[in-house]
Amino acid sequence: MSRIAGVFDELQRSGRKALIPYIVAGDPDPAGTVPLLHKLVASGADVIEVGVPFSDPMAEGPVIQKGHERALANGMTLKKVLSTVAEFRQQDAKTPIVMMGYTNPIERFGYDAFADACVGAGVDGLITVDLPPEEVDAIDTALQAVGLDNIFLISPTTPESRIKTIVGRARGFVYCVAVKGVTGSGQLDTTEVAESVALIRDKTTLPIAVGFGIKDAESACAVAAAADAVVVGSALIDKMNQEAALGNTSQIQLHSAAVKLLRSIRAGVDSSPS
């Protein structure tokens, strides 16, 4: 059983929902990424999404785009992200790590070499934002050969016939996008989210995670009522940005701001009816 499947199985048996924070590797600084990952786990994270910095992150809103820009300016590369995960694994062999990125750097790395490097670093799954299921065969063959989960996004505008295609290729969990548009945008409509989750659940037994638009404990609680996992990214990065804008720029201060929010969201998820 993969780490991802193991965590979701354990949570289901205990009647709990997963919390999945997202951060950009190397933001706000490369030296702080591994300590932040450990603090997120200590604050209630069940799975962590690690964003691979990219020059044109088309699915991201302004907050995460700026995070990508800062990370790239800090010299982060795909290889350095893998090294970061490997360093995290020295102390944490349990928490699943999902890398979220774009096709170009992976294609340049080479699919087989990338898959092998992921296993060596301790990565458990991959979200390739700009790679549709119709074009996934080459990379998916490499991922399957080493037991890595390939995770796909389903948006509010995805037609039912396409949902069937996507879940047929997915492993690990399915990522349901809660709002139309990029990360951090749009008004969260929890009724629509519940309907989307129900539509997906009718077609797969995989856990369903919901992200984009979750900002606080209240929204996390509402989403967790329908989903198996709640993903939060922009709100965490924005909270660190707000702290930095106040002049509180030390690693401890920035991480404390993110941790405080994550703990609040964890409480919201846990307060949701199962």
C-alpha atoms as a PDB file:
ATOM      1  CA  MET A   1       0.000   0.000   0.000  1.00  0.00           C
ATOM      2  CA  SER A   2       1.325   3.443  -0.915  1.00  0.00           C
ATOM      3  CA  ARG A   3       1.874   6.128   1.727  1.00  0.00           C
ATOM      4  CA  ILE A   4      -1.055   8.112   0.293  1.00  0.00           C
ATOM      5  CA  ALA A   5      -3.438   5.150   0.358  1.00  0.00           C
ATOM      6  CA  GLY A   6      -2.248   4.254   3.849  1.00  0.00           C
ATOM      7  CA  VAL A   7      -2.969   7.709   5.244  1.00  0.00           C
ATOM      8  CA  PHE A   8      -6.445   7.897   3.712  1.00  0.00           C
ATOM      9  CA  ASP A   9      -7.230   4.371   4.913  1.00  0.00           C
ATOM     10  CA  GLU A  10      -6.148   5.257   8.447  1.00  0.00           C
ATOM     11  CA  LEU A  11      -8.202   8.468   8.410  1.00  0.00           C
ATOM     12  CA  GLN A  12     -11.289   6.706   7.099  1.00  0.00           C
ATOM     13  CA  ARG A  13     -11.091   4.098   9.848  1.00  0.00           C
ATOM     14  CA  SER A  14     -10.872   6.841  12.452  1.00  0.00           C
ATOM     15  CA  GLY A  15     -13.695   8.883  10.888  1.00  0.00           C
ATOM     16  CA  ARG A  16     -11.479  11.875  10.095  1.00  0.00           C
ATOM     17  CA  LYS A  17     -10.804  13.975   7.008  1.00  0.00           C
ATOM     18  CA  ALA A  18      -7.373  14.823   5.598  1.00  0.00           C
ATOM     19  CA  LEU A  19      -5.783  18.256   5.656  1.00  0.00           C
ATOM     20  CA  ILE A  20      -3.389  18.960   2.775  1.00  0.00           C
ATOM     21  CA  PRO A  21      -1.397  22.217   2.903  1.00  0.00           C
ATOM     22  CA  TYR A  22       0.413  23.480  -0.193  1.00  0.00           C
ATOM     23  CA  ILE A  23       3.633  25.475  -0.176  1.00  0.00           C
ATOM     24  CA  VAL A  24       6.067  26.524  -2.891  1.00  0.00           C
ATOM     25  CA  ALA A  25       9.477  24.948  -2.356  1.00  0.00           C
ATOM     26  CA  GLY A  26      12.037  27.691  -1.751  1.00  0.00           C
ATOM     27  CA  ASP A  27       9.524  30.329  -0.693  1.00  0.00           C
ATOM     28  CA  PRO A  28      10.068  32.478   1.286  1.00  0.00           C
ATOM     29  CA  ASP A  29      13.589  31.020   1.375  1.00  0.00           C
ATOM     30  CA  PRO A  30      15.105  27.626   0.506  1.00  0.00           C
ATOM     31  CA  ALA A  31      16.675  27.092   3.949  1.00  0.00           C
ATOM     32  CA  GLY A  32      13.268  27.398   5.592  1.00  0.00           C
ATOM     33  CA  THR A  33      11.353  24.935   3.422  1.00  0.00           C
ATOM     34  CA  VAL A  34      12.198  21.719   5.274  1.00  0.00           C
ATOM     35  CA  PRO A  35      11.621  23.236   8.734  1.00  0.00           C
ATOM     36  CA  LEU A  36       8.276  24.573   7.491  1.00  0.00           C
ATOM     37  CA  LEU A  37       7.278  21.141   6.186  1.00  0.00           C
ATOM     38  CA  HIS A  38       7.940  19.606   9.587  1.00  0.00           C
ATOM     39  CA  LYS A  39       5.984  22.371  11.335  1.00  0.00           C
ATOM     40  CA  LEU A  40       3.019  21.818   9.023  1.00  0.00           C
ATOM     41  CA  VAL A  41       2.981  18.119   9.915  1.00  0.00           C
ATOM     42  CA  ALA A  42       3.174  18.951  13.612  1.00  0.00           C
ATOM     43  CA  SER A  43       0.223  21.329  13.131  1.00  0.00           C
ATOM     44  CA  GLY A  44      -2.104  18.768  11.586  1.00  0.00           C
ATOM     45  CA  ALA A  45      -1.093  18.159   7.970  1.00  0.00           C
ATOM     46  CA  ASP A  46      -1.829  14.622   6.758  1.00  0.00           C
ATOM     47  CA  VAL A  47      -0.392  15.016   3.249  1.00  0.00           C
ATOM     48  CA  ILE A  48       1.705  17.890   1.893  1.00  0.00           C
ATOM     49  CA  GLU A  49       1.699  19.332  -1.616  1.00  0.00           C
ATOM     50  CA  VAL A  50       5.042  20.821  -2.579  1.00  0.00           C
ATOM     51  CA  GLY A  51       4.895  23.267  -5.463  1.00  0.00           C
ATOM     52  CA  VAL A  52       7.721  23.123  -7.996  1.00  0.00           C
ATOM     53  CA  PRO A  53       8.597  26.727  -8.960  1.00  0.00           C
ATOM     54  CA  PHE A  54       7.858  27.488 -12.611  1.00  0.00           C
ATOM     55  CA  SER A  55       8.120  30.629 -14.694  1.00  0.00           C
ATOM     56  CA  ASP A  56       4.560  30.436 -16.051  1.00  0.00           C
ATOM     57  CA  PRO A  57       2.323  28.839 -13.380  1.00  0.00           C
ATOM     58  CA  MET A  58      -0.913  29.260 -15.336  1.00  0.00           C
ATOM     59  CA  ALA A  59      -3.229  27.681 -12.741  1.00  0.00           C
ATOM     60  CA  GLU A  60      -2.023  29.902  -9.923  1.00  0.00           C
ATOM     61  CA  GLY A  61      -3.445  33.177  -8.695  1.00  0.00           C
ATOM     62  CA  PRO A  62      -1.325  36.234  -7.839  1.00  0.00           C
ATOM     63  CA  VAL A  63      -0.375  35.042  -4.335  1.00  0.00           C
ATOM     64  CA  ILE A  64       1.123  31.730  -5.453  1.00  0.00           C
ATOM     65  CA  GLN A  65       2.552  33.259  -8.637  1.00  0.00           C
ATOM     66  CA  LYS A  66       4.594  35.607  -6.463  1.00  0.00           C
ATOM     67  CA  GLY A  67       5.701  32.602  -4.420  1.00  0.00           C
ATOM     68  CA  HIS A  68       6.965  30.934  -7.613  1.00  0.00           C
ATOM     69  CA  GLU A  69       8.796  34.127  -8.580  1.00  0.00           C
ATOM     70  CA  ARG A  70      10.481  34.403  -5.186  1.00  0.00           C
ATOM     71  CA  ALA A  71      11.496  30.736  -5.229  1.00  0.00           C
ATOM     72  CA  LEU A  72      12.972  31.014  -8.712  1.00  0.00           C
ATOM     73  CA  ALA A  73      14.843  34.161  -7.670  1.00  0.00           C
ATOM     74  CA  ASN A  74      16.163  32.116  -4.736  1.00  0.00           C
ATOM     75  CA  GLY A  75      17.631  29.639  -7.213  1.00  0.00           C
ATOM     76  CA  MET A  76      15.152  26.785  -6.777  1.00  0.00           C
ATOM     77  CA  THR A  77      15.088  24.128  -9.495  1.00  0.00           C
ATOM     78  CA  LEU A  78      13.347  20.795  -9.928  1.00  0.00           C
ATOM     79  CA  LYS A  79      16.477  18.972  -8.741  1.00  0.00           C
ATOM     80  CA  LYS A  80      16.664  21.191  -5.651  1.00  0.00           C
ATOM     81  CA  VAL A  81      13.009  20.490  -4.878  1.00  0.00           C
ATOM     82  CA  LEU A  82      13.772  16.767  -4.990  1.00  0.00           C
ATOM     83  CA  SER A  83      16.728  17.346  -2.667  1.00  0.00           C
ATOM     84  CA  THR A  84      14.428  19.248  -0.314  1.00  0.00           C
ATOM     85  CA  VAL A  85      12.012  16.303  -0.154  1.00  0.00           C
ATOM     86  CA  ALA A  86      14.926  13.940   0.459  1.00  0.00           C
ATOM     87  CA  GLU A  87      16.061  16.101   3.382  1.00  0.00           C
ATOM     88  CA  PHE A  88      12.520  16.099   4.796  1.00  0.00           C
ATOM     89  CA  ARG A  89      12.454  12.295   4.548  1.00  0.00           C
ATOM     90  CA  GLN A  90      15.468  12.023   6.861  1.00  0.00           C
ATOM     91  CA  GLN A  91      13.139  12.767   9.770  1.00  0.00           C
ATOM     92  CA  ASP A  92       9.684  11.907   8.413  1.00  0.00           C
ATOM     93  CA  ALA A  93       9.081   8.596   6.699  1.00  0.00           C
ATOM     94  CA  LYS A  94       5.300   8.656   7.083  1.00  0.00           C
ATOM     95  CA  THR A  95       3.781  11.875   5.701  1.00  0.00           C
ATOM     96  CA  PRO A  96       3.003  11.608   1.968  1.00  0.00           C
ATOM     97  CA  ILE A  97       4.536  14.244  -0.274  1.00  0.00           C
ATOM     98  CA  VAL A  98       2.829  15.181  -3.537  1.00  0.00           C
ATOM     99  CA  MET A  99       4.774  17.335  -5.975  1.00  0.00           C
ATOM    100  CA  MET A 100       2.665  19.812  -7.933  1.00  0.00           C
ATOM    101  CA  GLY A 101       4.137  21.377 -11.030  1.00  0.00           C
ATOM    102  CA  TYR A 102       4.156  21.796 -14.781  1.00  0.00           C
ATOM    103  CA  THR A 103       5.236  19.563 -17.643  1.00  0.00           C
ATOM    104  CA  ASN A 104       8.204  21.410 -19.143  1.00  0.00           C
ATOM    105  CA  PRO A 105      10.790  20.904 -16.359  1.00  0.00           C
ATOM    106  CA  ILE A 106       9.784  17.245 -15.979  1.00  0.00           C
ATOM    107  CA  GLU A 107       9.989  16.649 -19.733  1.00  0.00           C
ATOM    108  CA  ARG A 108      13.461  18.203 -19.832  1.00  0.00           C
ATOM    109  CA  PHE A 109      14.513  16.018 -16.890  1.00  0.00           C
ATOM    110  CA  GLY A 110      13.295  12.900 -18.712  1.00  0.00           C
ATOM    111  CA  TYR A 111      10.258  10.949 -17.540  1.00  0.00           C
ATOM    112  CA  ASP A 112      12.059   7.770 -16.488  1.00  0.00           C
ATOM    113  CA  ALA A 113      14.885   9.658 -14.799  1.00  0.00           C
ATOM    114  CA  PHE A 114      12.375  11.918 -13.054  1.00  0.00           C
ATOM    115  CA  ALA A 115      10.312   8.998 -11.764  1.00  0.00           C
ATOM    116  CA  ASP A 116      13.431   7.298 -10.422  1.00  0.00           C
ATOM    117  CA  ALA A 117      14.562  10.542  -8.788  1.00  0.00           C
ATOM    118  CA  CYS A 118      11.160  10.951  -7.140  1.00  0.00           C
ATOM    119  CA  VAL A 119      11.362   7.495  -5.609  1.00  0.00           C
ATOM    120  CA  GLY A 120      14.896   8.156  -4.438  1.00  0.00           C
ATOM    121  CA  ALA A 121      13.819  11.411  -2.779  1.00  0.00           C
ATOM    122  CA  GLY A 122      10.679   9.985  -1.179  1.00  0.00           C
ATOM    123  CA  VAL A 123       7.975  11.600  -3.320  1.00  0.00           C
ATOM    124  CA  ASP A 124       4.658   9.737  -3.329  1.00  0.00           C
ATOM    125  CA  GLY A 125       2.572  11.407  -6.016  1.00  0.00           C
ATOM    126  CA  LEU A 126       2.561  13.951  -8.801  1.00  0.00           C
ATOM    127  CA  ILE A 127       0.119  16.603 -10.003  1.00  0.00           C
ATOM    128  CA  THR A 128       1.105  17.908 -13.426  1.00  0.00           C
ATOM    129  CA  VAL A 129      -1.254  20.837 -13.838  1.00  0.00           C
ATOM    130  CA  ASP A 130      -0.959  21.310 -17.592  1.00  0.00           C
ATOM    131  CA  LEU A 131      -0.891  17.668 -18.687  1.00  0.00           C
ATOM    132  CA  PRO A 132      -4.366  16.344 -19.621  1.00  0.00           C
ATOM    133  CA  PRO A 133      -5.185  12.622 -19.308  1.00  0.00           C
ATOM    134  CA  GLU A 134      -5.168  12.227 -23.096  1.00  0.00           C
ATOM    135  CA  GLU A 135      -1.452  13.127 -23.147  1.00  0.00           C
ATOM    136  CA  VAL A 136      -0.320  11.390 -19.986  1.00  0.00           C
ATOM    137  CA  ASP A 137       0.713   7.961 -21.301  1.00  0.00           C
ATOM    138  CA  ALA A 138       4.473   8.544 -21.497  1.00  0.00           C
ATOM    139  CA  ILE A 139       4.913   9.994 -18.038  1.00  0.00           C
ATOM    140  CA  ASP A 140       2.320   7.702 -16.486  1.00  0.00           C
ATOM    141  CA  THR A 141       4.152   4.634 -17.716  1.00  0.00           C
ATOM    142  CA  ALA A 142       7.269   5.891 -15.939  1.00  0.00           C
ATOM    143  CA  LEU A 143       5.352   6.719 -12.758  1.00  0.00           C
ATOM    144  CA  GLN A 144       3.531   3.378 -12.647  1.00  0.00           C
ATOM    145  CA  ALA A 145       6.797   1.503 -13.106  1.00  0.00           C
ATOM    146  CA  VAL A 146       8.042   2.837  -9.766  1.00  0.00           C
ATOM    147  CA  GLY A 147       4.700   2.928  -7.929  1.00  0.00           C
ATOM    148  CA  LEU A 148       4.051   6.684  -7.922  1.00  0.00           C
ATOM    149  CA  ASP A 149       0.496   8.024  -7.839  1.00  0.00           C
ATOM    150  CA  ASN A 150      -0.640  10.251 -10.699  1.00  0.00           C
ATOM    151  CA  ILE A 151      -3.168  12.790  -9.398  1.00  0.00           C
ATOM    152  CA  PHE A 152      -5.482  14.835 -11.626  1.00  0.00           C
ATOM    153  CA  LEU A 153      -7.520  18.009 -11.250  1.00  0.00           C
ATOM    154  CA  ILE A 154     -11.246  18.113 -12.008  1.00  0.00           C
ATOM    155  CA  SER A 155     -12.705  21.589 -12.395  1.00  0.00           C
ATOM    156  CA  PRO A 156     -16.297  22.820 -11.908  1.00  0.00           C
ATOM    157  CA  THR A 157     -16.667  22.984 -15.702  1.00  0.00           C
ATOM    158  CA  THR A 158     -15.401  19.458 -16.434  1.00  0.00           C
ATOM    159  CA  PRO A 159     -18.163  17.535 -18.258  1.00  0.00           C
ATOM    160  CA  GLU A 160     -19.340  14.230 -16.831  1.00  0.00           C
ATOM    161  CA  SER A 161     -17.934  12.198 -19.708  1.00  0.00           C
ATOM    162  CA  ARG A 162     -14.488  13.685 -19.126  1.00  0.00           C
ATOM    163  CA  ILE A 163     -14.689  13.052 -15.381  1.00  0.00           C
ATOM    164  CA  LYS A 164     -14.981   9.341 -16.201  1.00  0.00           C
ATOM    165  CA  THR A 165     -11.826   9.558 -18.319  1.00  0.00           C
ATOM    166  CA  ILE A 166      -9.891  11.403 -15.608  1.00  0.00           C
ATOM    167  CA  VAL A 167     -10.807   9.122 -12.703  1.00  0.00           C
ATOM    168  CA  GLY A 168      -9.967   6.145 -14.886  1.00  0.00           C
ATOM    169  CA  ARG A 169      -6.361   7.343 -15.005  1.00  0.00           C
ATOM    170  CA  ALA A 170      -6.088   8.714 -11.466  1.00  0.00           C
ATOM    171  CA  ARG A 171      -4.305   7.119  -8.517  1.00  0.00           C
ATOM    172  CA  GLY A 172      -3.883   8.237  -4.922  1.00  0.00           C
ATOM    173  CA  PHE A 173      -6.745  10.709  -4.804  1.00  0.00           C
ATOM    174  CA  VAL A 174      -8.735  13.004  -7.076  1.00  0.00           C
ATOM    175  CA  TYR A 175      -8.312  16.767  -6.739  1.00  0.00           C
ATOM    176  CA  CYS A 176     -11.634  18.580  -7.125  1.00  0.00           C
ATOM    177  CA  VAL A 177     -11.206  22.284  -7.876  1.00  0.00           C
ATOM    178  CA  ALA A 178     -13.769  24.202  -5.816  1.00  0.00           C
ATOM    179  CA  VAL A 179     -13.992  27.426  -7.828  1.00  0.00           C
ATOM    180  CA  LYS A 180     -13.712  28.529 -11.428  1.00  0.00           C
ATOM    181  CA  GLY A 181     -10.415  30.229 -12.173  1.00  0.00           C
ATOM    182  CA  VAL A 182      -6.957  30.154 -10.627  1.00  0.00           C
ATOM    183  CA  THR A 183      -5.884  29.414  -7.062  1.00  0.00           C
ATOM    184  CA  GLY A 184      -7.141  31.888  -4.507  1.00  0.00           C
ATOM    185  CA  SER A 185      -9.813  33.291  -6.804  1.00  0.00           C
ATOM    186  CA  GLY A 186     -13.578  33.164  -6.861  1.00  0.00           C
ATOM    187  CA  GLN A 187     -16.262  32.862  -4.241  1.00  0.00           C
ATOM    188  CA  LEU A 188     -16.569  29.445  -2.657  1.00  0.00           C
ATOM    189  CA  ASP A 189     -20.059  27.963  -3.060  1.00  0.00           C
ATOM    190  CA  THR A 190     -20.181  24.945  -0.765  1.00  0.00           C
ATOM    191  CA  THR A 191     -23.446  23.700  -2.276  1.00  0.00           C
ATOM    192  CA  GLU A 192     -21.811  23.528  -5.701  1.00  0.00           C
ATOM    193  CA  VAL A 193     -18.755  21.876  -4.174  1.00  0.00           C
ATOM    194  CA  ALA A 194     -20.912  19.178  -2.586  1.00  0.00           C
ATOM    195  CA  GLU A 195     -22.620  18.562  -5.929  1.00  0.00           C
ATOM    196  CA  SER A 196     -19.272  18.298  -7.732  1.00  0.00           C
ATOM    197  CA  VAL A 197     -17.911  15.886  -5.123  1.00  0.00           C
ATOM    198  CA  ALA A 198     -21.041  13.729  -5.375  1.00  0.00           C
ATOM    199  CA  LEU A 199     -20.728  13.604  -9.161  1.00  0.00           C
ATOM    200  CA  ILE A 200     -17.104  12.480  -8.908  1.00  0.00           C
ATOM    201  CA  ARG A 201     -17.758  10.039  -6.064  1.00  0.00           C
ATOM    202  CA  ASP A 202     -20.335   8.268  -8.230  1.00  0.00           C
ATOM    203  CA  LYS A 203     -17.504   7.349 -10.611  1.00  0.00           C
ATOM    204  CA  THR A 204     -14.580   6.421  -8.384  1.00  0.00           C
ATOM    205  CA  THR A 205     -13.678   4.870  -5.048  1.00  0.00           C
ATOM    206  CA  LEU A 206     -10.605   7.106  -4.721  1.00  0.00           C
ATOM    207  CA  PRO A 207     -10.594   9.751  -1.978  1.00  0.00           C
ATOM    208  CA  ILE A 208     -11.639  13.204  -3.160  1.00  0.00           C
ATOM    209  CA  ALA A 209      -9.703  16.277  -2.073  1.00  0.00           C
ATOM    210  CA  VAL A 210     -11.110  19.778  -2.570  1.00  0.00           C
ATOM    211  CA  GLY A 211      -8.924  22.848  -2.999  1.00  0.00           C
ATOM    212  CA  PHE A 212      -8.882  26.405  -4.409  1.00  0.00           C
ATOM    213  CA  GLY A 213     -10.847  28.891  -2.303  1.00  0.00           C
ATOM    214  CA  ILE A 214     -10.427  27.447   1.202  1.00  0.00           C
ATOM    215  CA  LYS A 215      -9.215  30.322   3.351  1.00  0.00           C
ATOM    216  CA  ASP A 216     -10.215  29.691   6.962  1.00  0.00           C
ATOM    217  CA  ALA A 217     -11.715  27.259   9.485  1.00  0.00           C
ATOM    218  CA  GLU A 218     -15.279  28.013   8.411  1.00  0.00           C
ATOM    219  CA  SER A 219     -14.730  27.265   4.720  1.00  0.00           C
ATOM    220  CA  ALA A 220     -12.638  24.195   5.598  1.00  0.00           C
ATOM    221  CA  CYS A 221     -15.412  22.861   7.835  1.00  0.00           C
ATOM    222  CA  ALA A 222     -18.026  23.322   5.110  1.00  0.00           C
ATOM    223  CA  VAL A 223     -15.904  21.632   2.443  1.00  0.00           C
ATOM    224  CA  ALA A 224     -14.886  18.744   4.706  1.00  0.00           C
ATOM    225  CA  ALA A 225     -18.557  17.839   5.121  1.00  0.00           C
ATOM    226  CA  ALA A 226     -18.536  16.619   1.508  1.00  0.00           C
ATOM    227  CA  ALA A 227     -14.901  15.847   0.736  1.00  0.00           C
ATOM    228  CA  ASP A 228     -12.337  13.378   2.048  1.00  0.00           C
ATOM    229  CA  ALA A 229      -9.618  16.031   2.191  1.00  0.00           C
ATOM    230  CA  VAL A 230      -9.250  19.802   2.273  1.00  0.00           C
ATOM    231  CA  VAL A 231      -6.381  21.540   0.444  1.00  0.00           C
ATOM    232  CA  VAL A 232      -5.171  24.997   1.487  1.00  0.00           C
ATOM    233  CA  GLY A 233      -2.387  26.912  -0.243  1.00  0.00           C
ATOM    234  CA  SER A 234      -2.931  30.562  -1.150  1.00  0.00           C
ATOM    235  CA  ALA A 235      -4.181  31.407   2.340  1.00  0.00           C
ATOM    236  CA  LEU A 236      -1.010  30.038   3.962  1.00  0.00           C
ATOM    237  CA  ILE A 237       1.306  31.861   1.585  1.00  0.00           C
ATOM    238  CA  ASP A 238      -0.715  35.062   1.896  1.00  0.00           C
ATOM    239  CA  LYS A 239      -0.549  34.844   5.690  1.00  0.00           C
ATOM    240  CA  MET A 240       3.250  34.733   5.522  1.00  0.00           C
ATOM    241  CA  ASN A 241       3.210  37.647   3.074  1.00  0.00           C
ATOM    242  CA  GLN A 242       1.082  39.687   5.461  1.00  0.00           C
ATOM    243  CA  GLU A 243       3.491  38.966   8.293  1.00  0.00           C
ATOM    244  CA  ALA A 244       6.452  40.016   6.166  1.00  0.00           C
ATOM    245  CA  ALA A 245       4.647  43.244   5.230  1.00  0.00           C
ATOM    246  CA  LEU A 246       4.514  44.069   8.950  1.00  0.00           C
ATOM    247  CA  GLY A 247       8.278  43.765   9.129  1.00  0.00           C
ATOM    248  CA  ASN A 248       8.222  40.339  10.769  1.00  0.00           C
ATOM    249  CA  THR A 249      10.559  38.619   8.338  1.00  0.00           C
ATOM    250  CA  SER A 250      12.394  36.031  10.432  1.00  0.00           C
ATOM    251  CA  GLN A 251      11.850  32.360   9.627  1.00  0.00           C
ATOM    252  CA  ILE A 252      10.242  31.822  13.033  1.00  0.00           C
ATOM    253  CA  GLN A 253       7.791  34.709  12.566  1.00  0.00           C
ATOM    254  CA  LEU A 254       6.774  33.727   9.037  1.00  0.00           C
ATOM    255  CA  HIS A 255       6.350  30.060   9.874  1.00  0.00           C
ATOM    256  CA  SER A 256       4.399  30.882  13.040  1.00  0.00           C
ATOM    257  CA  ALA A 257       1.884  32.849  10.984  1.00  0.00           C
ATOM    258  CA  ALA A 258       1.331  29.913   8.622  1.00  0.00           C
ATOM    259  CA  VAL A 259       1.164  27.392  11.450  1.00  0.00           C
ATOM    260  CA  LYS A 260      -1.399  29.418  13.378  1.00  0.00           C
ATOM    261  CA  LEU A 261      -3.701  29.485  10.348  1.00  0.00           C
ATOM    262  CA  LEU A 262      -3.191  25.797   9.616  1.00  0.00           C
ATOM    263  CA  ARG A 263      -4.075  24.836  13.179  1.00  0.00           C
ATOM    264  CA  SER A 264      -7.263  26.852  12.886  1.00  0.00           C
ATOM    265  CA  ILE A 265      -8.130  25.133   9.603  1.00  0.00           C
ATOM    266  CA  ARG A 266      -7.345  21.753  11.170  1.00  0.00           C
ATOM    267  CA  ALA A 267      -9.857  22.523  13.900  1.00  0.00           C
ATOM    268  CA  GLY A 268     -12.399  23.489  11.247  1.00  0.00           C
ATOM    269  CA  VAL A 269     -11.897  20.248   9.349  1.00  0.00           C
ATOM    270  CA  ASP A 270     -12.201  18.198  12.546  1.00  0.00           C
ATOM    271  CA  SER A 271     -15.408  19.989  13.540  1.00  0.00           C
ATOM    272  CA  SER A 272     -17.127  19.071  10.284  1.00  0.00           C
ATOM    273  CA  PRO A 273     -19.814  16.364  10.383  1.00  0.00           C
ATOM    274  CA  SER A 274     -18.531  13.154   8.792  1.00  0.00           C
END
